[in-house]
Amino acid sequence: MGQPRDIKVRTFDFAVRIVQLCRFLDEQPGVGRTLGNQLLRAGTAIGANVEEAQAGQSKADFISKYAIALKEARETHYWLRLLIASNIVPEARIADLLQEADEIMRVIGAIIVSTKKNRQ
């Protein structure tokens, strides 16, 4: 197994994949398009907040931005699960995205915990 990817790179790559999925959903009639809009907002906000955290004015600001990124990752995970459960997108098509959202949540959570520990 190789070196773990930087969270900024990982969340950017994830956002690109979310954009591609949302392009597909946008071409679908009805509710898929609406859910795609929700997914697009949450899925791209993860990386945006991780990026913003890098310029945090303090450790508290850094933690705050990562906490927002974690909330967005949780929301993204929810929308992906909903797309599968409601048979809008086959699970096989987005199972890897769902797994990556879960892993991103874990990494961001660990960063928050580690930063809080180091702050004391």
PDB file of N, CA and C in Angstrom:
ATOM      1  N   MET A   1       0.838  -1.187   0.000  1.00  0.00           N
ATOM      2  CA  MET A   1       0.000   0.000   0.000  1.00  0.00           C
ATOM      3  C   MET A   1       0.877   1.242   0.000  1.00  0.00           C
ATOM      4  N   GLY A   2       0.501   2.242  -0.781  1.00  0.00           N
ATOM      5  CA  GLY A   2       1.305   3.443  -0.919  1.00  0.00           C
ATOM      6  C   GLY A   2       1.051   4.464   0.177  1.00  0.00           C
ATOM      7  N   GLN A   3       1.663   5.582  -0.003  1.00  0.00           N
ATOM      8  CA  GLN A   3       1.529   6.722   0.911  1.00  0.00           C
ATOM      9  C   GLN A   3       0.080   7.217   0.905  1.00  0.00           C
ATOM     10  N   PRO A   4      -0.481   7.542   2.091  1.00  0.00           N
ATOM     11  CA  PRO A   4      -1.850   8.086   2.096  1.00  0.00           C
ATOM     12  C   PRO A   4      -1.887   9.414   1.326  1.00  0.00           C
ATOM     13  N   ARG A   5      -2.957   9.596   0.577  1.00  0.00           N
ATOM     14  CA  ARG A   5      -3.088  10.834  -0.194  1.00  0.00           C
ATOM     15  C   ARG A   5      -3.439  11.991   0.726  1.00  0.00           C
ATOM     16  N   ASP A   6      -2.939  13.151   0.385  1.00  0.00           N
ATOM     17  CA  ASP A   6      -3.235  14.372   1.114  1.00  0.00           C
ATOM     18  C   ASP A   6      -4.747  14.626   1.092  1.00  0.00           C
ATOM     19  N   ILE A   7      -5.301  15.039   2.211  1.00  0.00           N
ATOM     20  CA  ILE A   7      -6.755  15.237   2.307  1.00  0.00           C
ATOM     21  C   ILE A   7      -7.234  16.315   1.334  1.00  0.00           C
ATOM     22  N   LYS A   8      -6.409  17.323   1.058  1.00  0.00           N
ATOM     23  CA  LYS A   8      -6.814  18.344   0.081  1.00  0.00           C
ATOM     24  C   LYS A   8      -6.974  17.727  -1.305  1.00  0.00           C
ATOM     25  N   VAL A   9      -6.038  16.892  -1.695  1.00  0.00           N
ATOM     26  CA  VAL A   9      -6.100  16.211  -2.995  1.00  0.00           C
ATOM     27  C   VAL A   9      -7.281  15.246  -3.021  1.00  0.00           C
ATOM     28  N   ARG A  10      -7.415  14.513  -1.941  1.00  0.00           N
ATOM     29  CA  ARG A  10      -8.470  13.492  -1.868  1.00  0.00           C
ATOM     30  C   ARG A  10      -9.858  14.121  -1.958  1.00  0.00           C
ATOM     31  N   THR A  11     -10.092  15.214  -1.242  1.00  0.00           N
ATOM     32  CA  THR A  11     -11.417  15.842  -1.277  1.00  0.00           C
ATOM     33  C   THR A  11     -11.661  16.557  -2.609  1.00  0.00           C
ATOM     34  N   PHE A  12     -10.606  17.061  -3.236  1.00  0.00           N
ATOM     35  CA  PHE A  12     -10.765  17.668  -4.566  1.00  0.00           C
ATOM     36  C   PHE A  12     -11.151  16.597  -5.581  1.00  0.00           C
ATOM     37  N   ASP A  13     -10.420  15.476  -5.566  1.00  0.00           N
ATOM     38  CA  ASP A  13     -10.738  14.377  -6.492  1.00  0.00           C
ATOM     39  C   ASP A  13     -12.155  13.852  -6.261  1.00  0.00           C
ATOM     40  N   PHE A  14     -12.543  13.784  -4.993  1.00  0.00           N
ATOM     41  CA  PHE A  14     -13.903  13.351  -4.655  1.00  0.00           C
ATOM     42  C   PHE A  14     -14.923  14.328  -5.240  1.00  0.00           C
ATOM     43  N   ALA A  15     -14.666  15.627  -5.108  1.00  0.00           N
ATOM     44  CA  ALA A  15     -15.577  16.647  -5.648  1.00  0.00           C
ATOM     45  C   ALA A  15     -15.722  16.507  -7.166  1.00  0.00           C
ATOM     46  N   VAL A  16     -14.626  16.217  -7.841  1.00  0.00           N
ATOM     47  CA  VAL A  16     -14.683  16.024  -9.297  1.00  0.00           C
ATOM     48  C   VAL A  16     -15.608  14.857  -9.634  1.00  0.00           C
ATOM     49  N   ARG A  17     -15.498  13.779  -8.886  1.00  0.00           N
ATOM     50  CA  ARG A  17     -16.351  12.608  -9.121  1.00  0.00           C
ATOM     51  C   ARG A  17     -17.817  12.919  -8.813  1.00  0.00           C
ATOM     52  N   ILE A  18     -18.057  13.732  -7.785  1.00  0.00           N
ATOM     53  CA  ILE A  18     -19.426  14.154  -7.455  1.00  0.00           C
ATOM     54  C   ILE A  18     -19.990  14.996  -8.600  1.00  0.00           C
ATOM     55  N   VAL A  19     -19.186  15.915  -9.132  1.00  0.00           N
ATOM     56  CA  VAL A  19     -19.632  16.745 -10.261  1.00  0.00           C
ATOM     57  C   VAL A  19     -20.022  15.857 -11.443  1.00  0.00           C
ATOM     58  N   GLN A  20     -19.212  14.843 -11.720  1.00  0.00           N
ATOM     59  CA  GLN A  20     -19.516  13.938 -12.837  1.00  0.00           C
ATOM     60  C   GLN A  20     -20.824  13.184 -12.597  1.00  0.00           C
ATOM     61  N   LEU A  21     -21.040  12.707 -11.375  1.00  0.00           N
ATOM     62  CA  LEU A  21     -22.291  12.025 -11.056  1.00  0.00           C
ATOM     63  C   LEU A  21     -23.468  12.985 -11.194  1.00  0.00           C
ATOM     64  N   CYS A  22     -23.299  14.207 -10.730  1.00  0.00           N
ATOM     65  CA  CYS A  22     -24.390  15.186 -10.791  1.00  0.00           C
ATOM     66  C   CYS A  22     -24.716  15.598 -12.216  1.00  0.00           C
ATOM     67  N   ARG A  23     -23.725  15.565 -13.095  1.00  0.00           N
ATOM     68  CA  ARG A  23     -23.993  15.803 -14.522  1.00  0.00           C
ATOM     69  C   ARG A  23     -24.956  14.745 -15.046  1.00  0.00           C
ATOM     70  N   PHE A  24     -24.694  13.500 -14.676  1.00  0.00           N
ATOM     71  CA  PHE A  24     -25.580  12.386 -15.062  1.00  0.00           C
ATOM     72  C   PHE A  24     -26.978  12.608 -14.475  1.00  0.00           C
ATOM     73  N   LEU A  25     -27.042  12.945 -13.182  1.00  0.00           N
ATOM     74  CA  LEU A  25     -28.344  13.150 -12.526  1.00  0.00           C
ATOM     75  C   LEU A  25     -29.104  14.322 -13.128  1.00  0.00           C
ATOM     76  N   ASP A  26     -28.376  15.332 -13.563  1.00  0.00           N
ATOM     77  CA  ASP A  26     -29.016  16.512 -14.149  1.00  0.00           C
ATOM     78  C   ASP A  26     -29.722  16.173 -15.465  1.00  0.00           C
ATOM     79  N   GLU A  27     -29.273  15.138 -16.121  1.00  0.00           N
ATOM     80  CA  GLU A  27     -29.896  14.714 -17.379  1.00  0.00           C
ATOM     81  C   GLU A  27     -31.136  13.854 -17.150  1.00  0.00           C
ATOM     82  N   GLN A  28     -31.350  13.431 -15.898  1.00  0.00           N
ATOM     83  CA  GLN A  28     -32.485  12.572 -15.573  1.00  0.00           C
ATOM     84  C   GLN A  28     -33.722  13.430 -15.285  1.00  0.00           C
ATOM     85  N   PRO A  29     -34.895  12.919 -15.614  1.00  0.00           N
ATOM     86  CA  PRO A  29     -36.111  13.665 -15.281  1.00  0.00           C
ATOM     87  C   PRO A  29     -36.455  13.515 -13.797  1.00  0.00           C
ATOM     88  N   GLY A  30     -37.145  14.494 -13.267  1.00  0.00           N
ATOM     89  CA  GLY A  30     -37.736  14.373 -11.931  1.00  0.00           C
ATOM     90  C   GLY A  30     -36.801  14.518 -10.764  1.00  0.00           C
ATOM     91  N   VAL A  31     -37.030  13.681  -9.766  1.00  0.00           N
ATOM     92  CA  VAL A  31     -36.424  13.826  -8.450  1.00  0.00           C
ATOM     93  C   VAL A  31     -34.906  13.621  -8.455  1.00  0.00           C
ATOM     94  N   GLY A  32     -34.383  12.834  -9.371  1.00  0.00           N
ATOM     95  CA  GLY A  32     -32.943  12.621  -9.446  1.00  0.00           C
ATOM     96  C   GLY A  32     -32.179  13.917  -9.615  1.00  0.00           C
ATOM     97  N   ARG A  33     -32.727  14.802 -10.418  1.00  0.00           N
ATOM     98  CA  ARG A  33     -32.105  16.110 -10.646  1.00  0.00           C
ATOM     99  C   ARG A  33     -32.091  16.930  -9.354  1.00  0.00           C
ATOM    100  N   THR A  34     -33.191  16.917  -8.631  1.00  0.00           N
ATOM    101  CA  THR A  34     -33.286  17.669  -7.371  1.00  0.00           C
ATOM    102  C   THR A  34     -32.295  17.136  -6.343  1.00  0.00           C
ATOM    103  N   LEU A  35     -32.239  15.816  -6.204  1.00  0.00           N
ATOM    104  CA  LEU A  35     -31.287  15.212  -5.265  1.00  0.00           C
ATOM    105  C   LEU A  35     -29.849  15.490  -5.704  1.00  0.00           C
ATOM    106  N   GLY A  36     -29.630  15.504  -7.006  1.00  0.00           N
ATOM    107  CA  GLY A  36     -28.306  15.820  -7.541  1.00  0.00           C
ATOM    108  C   GLY A  36     -27.842  17.206  -7.138  1.00  0.00           C
ATOM    109  N   ASN A  37     -28.753  18.159  -7.129  1.00  0.00           N
ATOM    110  CA  ASN A  37     -28.402  19.526  -6.714  1.00  0.00           C
ATOM    111  C   ASN A  37     -27.959  19.552  -5.256  1.00  0.00           C
ATOM    112  N   GLN A  38     -28.657  18.815  -4.404  1.00  0.00           N
ATOM    113  CA  GLN A  38     -28.292  18.736  -2.985  1.00  0.00           C
ATOM    114  C   GLN A  38     -26.912  18.082  -2.840  1.00  0.00           C
ATOM    115  N   LEU A  39     -26.719  16.986  -3.568  1.00  0.00           N
ATOM    116  CA  LEU A  39     -25.457  16.261  -3.526  1.00  0.00           C
ATOM    117  C   LEU A  39     -24.311  17.137  -4.025  1.00  0.00           C
ATOM    118  N   LEU A  40     -24.549  17.888  -5.078  1.00  0.00           N
ATOM    119  CA  LEU A  40     -23.514  18.755  -5.643  1.00  0.00           C
ATOM    120  C   LEU A  40     -23.045  19.789  -4.621  1.00  0.00           C
ATOM    121  N   ARG A  41     -23.996  20.413  -3.935  1.00  0.00           N
ATOM    122  CA  ARG A  41     -23.638  21.423  -2.934  1.00  0.00           C
ATOM    123  C   ARG A  41     -22.795  20.823  -1.808  1.00  0.00           C
ATOM    124  N   ALA A  42     -23.274  19.718  -1.256  1.00  0.00           N
ATOM    125  CA  ALA A  42     -22.581  19.106  -0.115  1.00  0.00           C
ATOM    126  C   ALA A  42     -21.249  18.482  -0.539  1.00  0.00           C
ATOM    127  N   GLY A  43     -21.260  17.750  -1.642  1.00  0.00           N
ATOM    128  CA  GLY A  43     -20.071  17.017  -2.066  1.00  0.00           C
ATOM    129  C   GLY A  43     -18.904  17.884  -2.486  1.00  0.00           C
ATOM    130  N   THR A  44     -19.195  19.072  -2.985  1.00  0.00           N
ATOM    131  CA  THR A  44     -18.115  19.981  -3.368  1.00  0.00           C
ATOM    132  C   THR A  44     -17.704  20.892  -2.207  1.00  0.00           C
ATOM    133  N   ALA A  45     -18.569  21.044  -1.223  1.00  0.00           N
ATOM    134  CA  ALA A  45     -18.260  21.902  -0.068  1.00  0.00           C
ATOM    135  C   ALA A  45     -17.219  21.267   0.855  1.00  0.00           C
ATOM    136  N   ILE A  46     -17.100  19.945   0.818  1.00  0.00           N
ATOM    137  CA  ILE A  46     -16.121  19.269   1.681  1.00  0.00           C
ATOM    138  C   ILE A  46     -14.726  19.818   1.382  1.00  0.00           C
ATOM    139  N   GLY A  47     -14.322  19.688   0.138  1.00  0.00           N
ATOM    140  CA  GLY A  47     -12.992  20.140  -0.261  1.00  0.00           C
ATOM    141  C   GLY A  47     -12.807  21.638  -0.120  1.00  0.00           C
ATOM    142  N   ALA A  48     -13.851  22.398  -0.378  1.00  0.00           N
ATOM    143  CA  ALA A  48     -13.755  23.852  -0.242  1.00  0.00           C
ATOM    144  C   ALA A  48     -13.440  24.233   1.207  1.00  0.00           C
ATOM    145  N   ASN A  49     -14.067  23.562   2.152  1.00  0.00           N
ATOM    146  CA  ASN A  49     -13.814  23.856   3.566  1.00  0.00           C
ATOM    147  C   ASN A  49     -12.448  23.351   4.018  1.00  0.00           C
ATOM    148  N   VAL A  50     -12.019  22.210   3.497  1.00  0.00           N
ATOM    149  CA  VAL A  50     -10.671  21.719   3.795  1.00  0.00           C
ATOM    150  C   VAL A  50      -9.644  22.723   3.280  1.00  0.00           C
ATOM    151  N   GLU A  51      -9.878  23.228   2.091  1.00  0.00           N
ATOM    152  CA  GLU A  51      -8.979  24.222   1.496  1.00  0.00           C
ATOM    153  C   GLU A  51      -8.959  25.501   2.336  1.00  0.00           C
ATOM    154  N   GLU A  52     -10.128  25.965   2.738  1.00  0.00           N
ATOM    155  CA  GLU A  52     -10.210  27.163   3.580  1.00  0.00           C
ATOM    156  C   GLU A  52      -9.496  26.973   4.906  1.00  0.00           C
ATOM    157  N   ALA A  53      -9.579  25.780   5.456  1.00  0.00           N
ATOM    158  CA  ALA A  53      -8.950  25.497   6.758  1.00  0.00           C
ATOM    159  C   ALA A  53      -7.438  25.708   6.701  1.00  0.00           C
ATOM    160  N   GLN A  54      -6.840  25.488   5.535  1.00  0.00           N
ATOM    161  CA  GLN A  54      -5.391  25.641   5.404  1.00  0.00           C
ATOM    162  C   GLN A  54      -4.957  27.084   5.674  1.00  0.00           C
ATOM    163  N   ALA A  55      -5.858  28.014   5.475  1.00  0.00           N
ATOM    164  CA  ALA A  55      -5.558  29.431   5.713  1.00  0.00           C
ATOM    165  C   ALA A  55      -6.216  29.917   6.997  1.00  0.00           C
ATOM    166  N   GLY A  56      -6.559  28.984   7.880  1.00  0.00           N
ATOM    167  CA  GLY A  56      -7.206  29.345   9.140  1.00  0.00           C
ATOM    168  C   GLY A  56      -6.378  30.350   9.922  1.00  0.00           C
ATOM    169  N   GLN A  57      -7.054  31.289  10.541  1.00  0.00           N
ATOM    170  CA  GLN A  57      -6.364  32.343  11.274  1.00  0.00           C
ATOM    171  C   GLN A  57      -5.899  31.871  12.647  1.00  0.00           C
ATOM    172  N   SER A  58      -6.431  30.744  13.093  1.00  0.00           N
ATOM    173  CA  SER A  58      -6.065  30.183  14.388  1.00  0.00           C
ATOM    174  C   SER A  58      -6.387  28.697  14.361  1.00  0.00           C
ATOM    175  N   LYS A  59      -5.949  27.993  15.394  1.00  0.00           N
ATOM    176  CA  LYS A  59      -6.297  26.563  15.484  1.00  0.00           C
ATOM    177  C   LYS A  59      -7.810  26.400  15.589  1.00  0.00           C
ATOM    178  N   ALA A  60      -8.464  27.315  16.327  1.00  0.00           N
ATOM    179  CA  ALA A  60      -9.927  27.238  16.465  1.00  0.00           C
ATOM    180  C   ALA A  60     -10.600  27.410  15.111  1.00  0.00           C
ATOM    181  N   ASP A  61     -10.090  28.322  14.295  1.00  0.00           N
ATOM    182  CA  ASP A  61     -10.640  28.545  12.957  1.00  0.00           C
ATOM    183  C   ASP A  61     -10.408  27.303  12.090  1.00  0.00           C
ATOM    184  N   PHE A  62      -9.224  26.728  12.182  1.00  0.00           N
ATOM    185  CA  PHE A  62      -8.884  25.509  11.454  1.00  0.00           C
ATOM    186  C   PHE A  62      -9.860  24.387  11.824  1.00  0.00           C
ATOM    187  N   ILE A  63     -10.072  24.197  13.119  1.00  0.00           N
ATOM    188  CA  ILE A  63     -10.981  23.157  13.602  1.00  0.00           C
ATOM    189  C   ILE A  63     -12.405  23.432  13.131  1.00  0.00           C
ATOM    190  N   SER A  64     -12.810  24.681  13.182  1.00  0.00           N
ATOM    191  CA  SER A  64     -14.158  25.059  12.749  1.00  0.00           C
ATOM    192  C   SER A  64     -14.396  24.706  11.280  1.00  0.00           C
ATOM    193  N   LYS A  65     -13.423  25.021  10.424  1.00  0.00           N
ATOM    194  CA  LYS A  65     -13.564  24.713   8.990  1.00  0.00           C
ATOM    195  C   LYS A  65     -13.611  23.204   8.763  1.00  0.00           C
ATOM    196  N   TYR A  66     -12.789  22.469   9.503  1.00  0.00           N
ATOM    197  CA  TYR A  66     -12.815  21.014   9.370  1.00  0.00           C
ATOM    198  C   TYR A  66     -14.123  20.433   9.898  1.00  0.00           C
ATOM    199  N   ALA A  67     -14.677  21.039  10.937  1.00  0.00           N
ATOM    200  CA  ALA A  67     -15.966  20.576  11.459  1.00  0.00           C
ATOM    201  C   ALA A  67     -17.062  20.766  10.412  1.00  0.00           C
ATOM    202  N   ILE A  68     -17.005  21.871   9.688  1.00  0.00           N
ATOM    203  CA  ILE A  68     -17.968  22.114   8.609  1.00  0.00           C
ATOM    204  C   ILE A  68     -17.750  21.081   7.497  1.00  0.00           C
ATOM    205  N   ALA A  69     -16.499  20.814   7.156  1.00  0.00           N
ATOM    206  CA  ALA A  69     -16.192  19.806   6.129  1.00  0.00           C
ATOM    207  C   ALA A  69     -16.745  18.442   6.539  1.00  0.00           C
ATOM    208  N   LEU A  70     -16.634  18.113   7.822  1.00  0.00           N
ATOM    209  CA  LEU A  70     -17.164  16.840   8.316  1.00  0.00           C
ATOM    210  C   LEU A  70     -18.688  16.790   8.174  1.00  0.00           C
ATOM    211  N   LYS A  71     -19.359  17.886   8.509  1.00  0.00           N
ATOM    212  CA  LYS A  71     -20.821  17.944   8.349  1.00  0.00           C
ATOM    213  C   LYS A  71     -21.208  17.763   6.883  1.00  0.00           C
ATOM    214  N   GLU A  72     -20.476  18.398   5.992  1.00  0.00           N
ATOM    215  CA  GLU A  72     -20.762  18.275   4.561  1.00  0.00           C
ATOM    216  C   GLU A  72     -20.506  16.851   4.072  1.00  0.00           C
ATOM    217  N   ALA A  73     -19.470  16.209   4.603  1.00  0.00           N
ATOM    218  CA  ALA A  73     -19.175  14.820   4.224  1.00  0.00           C
ATOM    219  C   ALA A  73     -20.299  13.895   4.684  1.00  0.00           C
ATOM    220  N   ARG A  74     -20.790  14.137   5.895  1.00  0.00           N
ATOM    221  CA  ARG A  74     -21.923  13.339   6.399  1.00  0.00           C
ATOM    222  C   ARG A  74     -23.160  13.535   5.517  1.00  0.00           C
ATOM    223  N   GLU A  75     -23.415  14.782   5.146  1.00  0.00           N
ATOM    224  CA  GLU A  75     -24.569  15.066   4.294  1.00  0.00           C
ATOM    225  C   GLU A  75     -24.407  14.399   2.928  1.00  0.00           C
ATOM    226  N   THR A  76     -23.209  14.455   2.384  1.00  0.00           N
ATOM    227  CA  THR A  76     -22.935  13.808   1.097  1.00  0.00           C
ATOM    228  C   THR A  76     -23.190  12.307   1.191  1.00  0.00           C
ATOM    229  N   HIS A  77     -22.714  11.709   2.255  1.00  0.00           N
ATOM    230  CA  HIS A  77     -22.920  10.273   2.487  1.00  0.00           C
ATOM    231  C   HIS A  77     -24.416   9.964   2.515  1.00  0.00           C
ATOM    232  N   TYR A  78     -25.176  10.824   3.171  1.00  0.00           N
ATOM    233  CA  TYR A  78     -26.630  10.661   3.244  1.00  0.00           C
ATOM    234  C   TYR A  78     -27.258  10.686   1.846  1.00  0.00           C
ATOM    235  N   TRP A  79     -26.912  11.704   1.041  1.00  0.00           N
ATOM    236  CA  TRP A  79     -27.514  11.817  -0.301  1.00  0.00           C
ATOM    237  C   TRP A  79     -27.149  10.619  -1.164  1.00  0.00           C
ATOM    238  N   LEU A  80     -25.923  10.141  -1.053  1.00  0.00           N
ATOM    239  CA  LEU A  80     -25.526   8.962  -1.825  1.00  0.00           C
ATOM    240  C   LEU A  80     -26.346   7.738  -1.410  1.00  0.00           C
ATOM    241  N   ARG A  81     -26.516   7.553  -0.101  1.00  0.00           N
ATOM    242  CA  ARG A  81     -27.342   6.437   0.389  1.00  0.00           C
ATOM    243  C   ARG A  81     -28.776   6.564  -0.099  1.00  0.00           C
ATOM    244  N   LEU A  82     -29.311   7.770  -0.106  1.00  0.00           N
ATOM    245  CA  LEU A  82     -30.681   8.006  -0.545  1.00  0.00           C
ATOM    246  C   LEU A  82     -30.839   7.696  -2.036  1.00  0.00           C
ATOM    247  N   LEU A  83     -29.858   8.075  -2.829  1.00  0.00           N
ATOM    248  CA  LEU A  83     -29.906   7.772  -4.265  1.00  0.00           C
ATOM    249  C   LEU A  83     -29.962   6.265  -4.507  1.00  0.00           C
ATOM    250  N   ILE A  84     -29.226   5.519  -3.703  1.00  0.00           N
ATOM    251  CA  ILE A  84     -29.229   4.058  -3.823  1.00  0.00           C
ATOM    252  C   ILE A  84     -30.557   3.485  -3.330  1.00  0.00           C
ATOM    253  N   ALA A  85     -30.972   3.894  -2.130  1.00  0.00           N
ATOM    254  CA  ALA A  85     -32.183   3.335  -1.509  1.00  0.00           C
ATOM    255  C   ALA A  85     -33.440   3.619  -2.318  1.00  0.00           C
ATOM    256  N   SER A  86     -33.460   4.749  -3.012  1.00  0.00           N
ATOM    257  CA  SER A  86     -34.647   5.106  -3.794  1.00  0.00           C
ATOM    258  C   SER A  86     -34.541   4.652  -5.250  1.00  0.00           C
ATOM    259  N   ASN A  87     -33.544   3.837  -5.545  1.00  0.00           N
ATOM    260  CA  ASN A  87     -33.352   3.247  -6.879  1.00  0.00           C
ATOM    261  C   ASN A  87     -33.193   4.277  -7.988  1.00  0.00           C
ATOM    262  N   ILE A  88     -32.587   5.405  -7.658  1.00  0.00           N
ATOM    263  CA  ILE A  88     -32.317   6.419  -8.679  1.00  0.00           C
ATOM    264  C   ILE A  88     -30.997   6.111  -9.378  1.00  0.00           C
ATOM    265  N   VAL A  89     -30.030   5.624  -8.597  1.00  0.00           N
ATOM    266  CA  VAL A  89     -28.734   5.225  -9.140  1.00  0.00           C
ATOM    267  C   VAL A  89     -28.424   3.825  -8.602  1.00  0.00           C
ATOM    268  N   PRO A  90     -28.025   2.916  -9.470  1.00  0.00           N
ATOM    269  CA  PRO A  90     -27.684   1.569  -8.990  1.00  0.00           C
ATOM    270  C   PRO A  90     -26.503   1.617  -8.011  1.00  0.00           C
ATOM    271  N   GLU A  91     -26.602   0.822  -6.966  1.00  0.00           N
ATOM    272  CA  GLU A  91     -25.545   0.813  -5.945  1.00  0.00           C
ATOM    273  C   GLU A  91     -24.178   0.549  -6.560  1.00  0.00           C
ATOM    274  N   ALA A  92     -24.106  -0.347  -7.512  1.00  0.00           N
ATOM    275  CA  ALA A  92     -22.827  -0.691  -8.129  1.00  0.00           C
ATOM    276  C   ALA A  92     -22.153   0.531  -8.756  1.00  0.00           C
ATOM    277  N   ARG A  93     -22.965   1.464  -9.223  1.00  0.00           N
ATOM    278  CA  ARG A  93     -22.400   2.647  -9.886  1.00  0.00           C
ATOM    279  C   ARG A  93     -21.753   3.614  -8.901  1.00  0.00           C
ATOM    280  N   ILE A  94     -22.261   3.692  -7.666  1.00  0.00           N
ATOM    281  CA  ILE A  94     -21.734   4.694  -6.733  1.00  0.00           C
ATOM    282  C   ILE A  94     -21.226   4.112  -5.408  1.00  0.00           C
ATOM    283  N   ALA A  95     -21.087   2.789  -5.343  1.00  0.00           N
ATOM    284  CA  ALA A  95     -20.599   2.170  -4.106  1.00  0.00           C
ATOM    285  C   ALA A  95     -19.215   2.695  -3.729  1.00  0.00           C
ATOM    286  N   ASP A  96     -18.352   2.913  -4.717  1.00  0.00           N
ATOM    287  CA  ASP A  96     -17.012   3.426  -4.424  1.00  0.00           C
ATOM    288  C   ASP A  96     -17.060   4.867  -3.910  1.00  0.00           C
ATOM    289  N   LEU A  97     -17.990   5.664  -4.420  1.00  0.00           N
ATOM    290  CA  LEU A  97     -18.166   7.034  -3.913  1.00  0.00           C
ATOM    291  C   LEU A  97     -18.656   7.019  -2.472  1.00  0.00           C
ATOM    292  N   LEU A  98     -19.568   6.122  -2.185  1.00  0.00           N
ATOM    293  CA  LEU A  98     -20.091   5.981  -0.824  1.00  0.00           C
ATOM    294  C   LEU A  98     -18.963   5.588   0.130  1.00  0.00           C
ATOM    295  N   GLN A  99     -18.127   4.654  -0.299  1.00  0.00           N
ATOM    296  CA  GLN A  99     -16.979   4.216   0.507  1.00  0.00           C
ATOM    297  C   GLN A  99     -15.996   5.370   0.719  1.00  0.00           C
ATOM    298  N   GLU A 100     -15.735   6.124  -0.338  1.00  0.00           N
ATOM    299  CA  GLU A 100     -14.805   7.253  -0.223  1.00  0.00           C
ATOM    300  C   GLU A 100     -15.365   8.324   0.710  1.00  0.00           C
ATOM    301  N   ALA A 101     -16.664   8.584   0.653  1.00  0.00           N
ATOM    302  CA  ALA A 101     -17.285   9.553   1.574  1.00  0.00           C
ATOM    303  C   ALA A 101     -17.095   9.090   3.016  1.00  0.00           C
ATOM    304  N   ASP A 102     -17.273   7.802   3.253  1.00  0.00           N
ATOM    305  CA  ASP A 102     -17.084   7.246   4.596  1.00  0.00           C
ATOM    306  C   ASP A 102     -15.640   7.414   5.060  1.00  0.00           C
ATOM    307  N   GLU A 103     -14.704   7.113   4.182  1.00  0.00           N
ATOM    308  CA  GLU A 103     -13.290   7.242   4.543  1.00  0.00           C
ATOM    309  C   GLU A 103     -12.906   8.702   4.777  1.00  0.00           C
ATOM    310  N   ILE A 104     -13.429   9.596   3.962  1.00  0.00           N
ATOM    311  CA  ILE A 104     -13.149  11.028   4.143  1.00  0.00           C
ATOM    312  C   ILE A 104     -13.688  11.492   5.496  1.00  0.00           C
ATOM    313  N   MET A 105     -14.873  11.040   5.873  1.00  0.00           N
ATOM    314  CA  MET A 105     -15.418  11.397   7.192  1.00  0.00           C
ATOM    315  C   MET A 105     -14.464  10.954   8.300  1.00  0.00           C
ATOM    316  N   ARG A 106     -13.939   9.749   8.178  1.00  0.00           N
ATOM    317  CA  ARG A 106     -13.022   9.219   9.196  1.00  0.00           C
ATOM    318  C   ARG A 106     -11.732  10.032   9.266  1.00  0.00           C
ATOM    319  N   VAL A 107     -11.169  10.352   8.111  1.00  0.00           N
ATOM    320  CA  VAL A 107      -9.921  11.120   8.074  1.00  0.00           C
ATOM    321  C   VAL A 107     -10.135  12.514   8.669  1.00  0.00           C
ATOM    322  N   ILE A 108     -11.194  13.178   8.254  1.00  0.00           N
ATOM    323  CA  ILE A 108     -11.470  14.523   8.773  1.00  0.00           C
ATOM    324  C   ILE A 108     -11.728  14.476  10.273  1.00  0.00           C
ATOM    325  N   GLY A 109     -12.479  13.486  10.723  1.00  0.00           N
ATOM    326  CA  GLY A 109     -12.712  13.326  12.156  1.00  0.00           C
ATOM    327  C   GLY A 109     -11.406  13.160  12.919  1.00  0.00           C
ATOM    328  N   ALA A 110     -10.498  12.358  12.361  1.00  0.00           N
ATOM    329  CA  ALA A 110      -9.192  12.140  13.005  1.00  0.00           C
ATOM    330  C   ALA A 110      -8.364  13.426  13.028  1.00  0.00           C
ATOM    331  N   ILE A 111      -8.436  14.206  11.970  1.00  0.00           N
ATOM    332  CA  ILE A 111      -7.714  15.485  11.926  1.00  0.00           C
ATOM    333  C   ILE A 111      -8.243  16.419  13.014  1.00  0.00           C
ATOM    334  N   ILE A 112      -9.543  16.466  13.175  1.00  0.00           N
ATOM    335  CA  ILE A 112     -10.149  17.320  14.202  1.00  0.00           C
ATOM    336  C   ILE A 112      -9.687  16.887  15.597  1.00  0.00           C
ATOM    337  N   VAL A 113      -9.770  15.586  15.869  1.00  0.00           N
ATOM    338  CA  VAL A 113      -9.367  15.063  17.179  1.00  0.00           C
ATOM    339  C   VAL A 113      -7.891  15.350  17.437  1.00  0.00           C
ATOM    340  N   SER A 114      -7.056  15.094  16.459  1.00  0.00           N
ATOM    341  CA  SER A 114      -5.623  15.308  16.600  1.00  0.00           C
ATOM    342  C   SER A 114      -5.295  16.789  16.834  1.00  0.00           C
ATOM    343  N   THR A 115      -5.953  17.656  16.110  1.00  0.00           N
ATOM    344  CA  THR A 115      -5.710  19.095  16.259  1.00  0.00           C
ATOM    345  C   THR A 115      -6.153  19.577  17.629  1.00  0.00           C
ATOM    346  N   LYS A 116      -7.288  19.078  18.104  1.00  0.00           N
ATOM    347  CA  LYS A 116      -7.764  19.457  19.445  1.00  0.00           C
ATOM    348  C   LYS A 116      -6.777  18.998  20.505  1.00  0.00           C
ATOM    349  N   LYS A 117      -6.230  17.788  20.354  1.00  0.00           N
ATOM    350  CA  LYS A 117      -5.246  17.265  21.318  1.00  0.00           C
ATOM    351  C   LYS A 117      -3.987  18.130  21.329  1.00  0.00           C
ATOM    352  N   ASN A 118      -3.516  18.466  20.148  1.00  0.00           N
ATOM    353  CA  ASN A 118      -2.274  19.239  20.014  1.00  0.00           C
ATOM    354  C   ASN A 118      -2.443  20.687  20.471  1.00  0.00           C
ATOM    355  N   ARG A 119      -3.669  21.136  20.547  1.00  0.00           N
ATOM    356  CA  ARG A 119      -3.949  22.514  20.948  1.00  0.00           C
ATOM    357  C   ARG A 119      -3.783  22.688  22.450  1.00  0.00           C
ATOM    358  N   GLN A 120      -3.961  21.603  23.190  1.00  0.00           N
ATOM    359  CA  GLN A 120      -3.936  21.695  24.659  1.00  0.00           C
ATOM    360  C   GLN A 120      -2.538  21.692  25.211  1.00  0.00           C
TER     361      GLN A 120
END
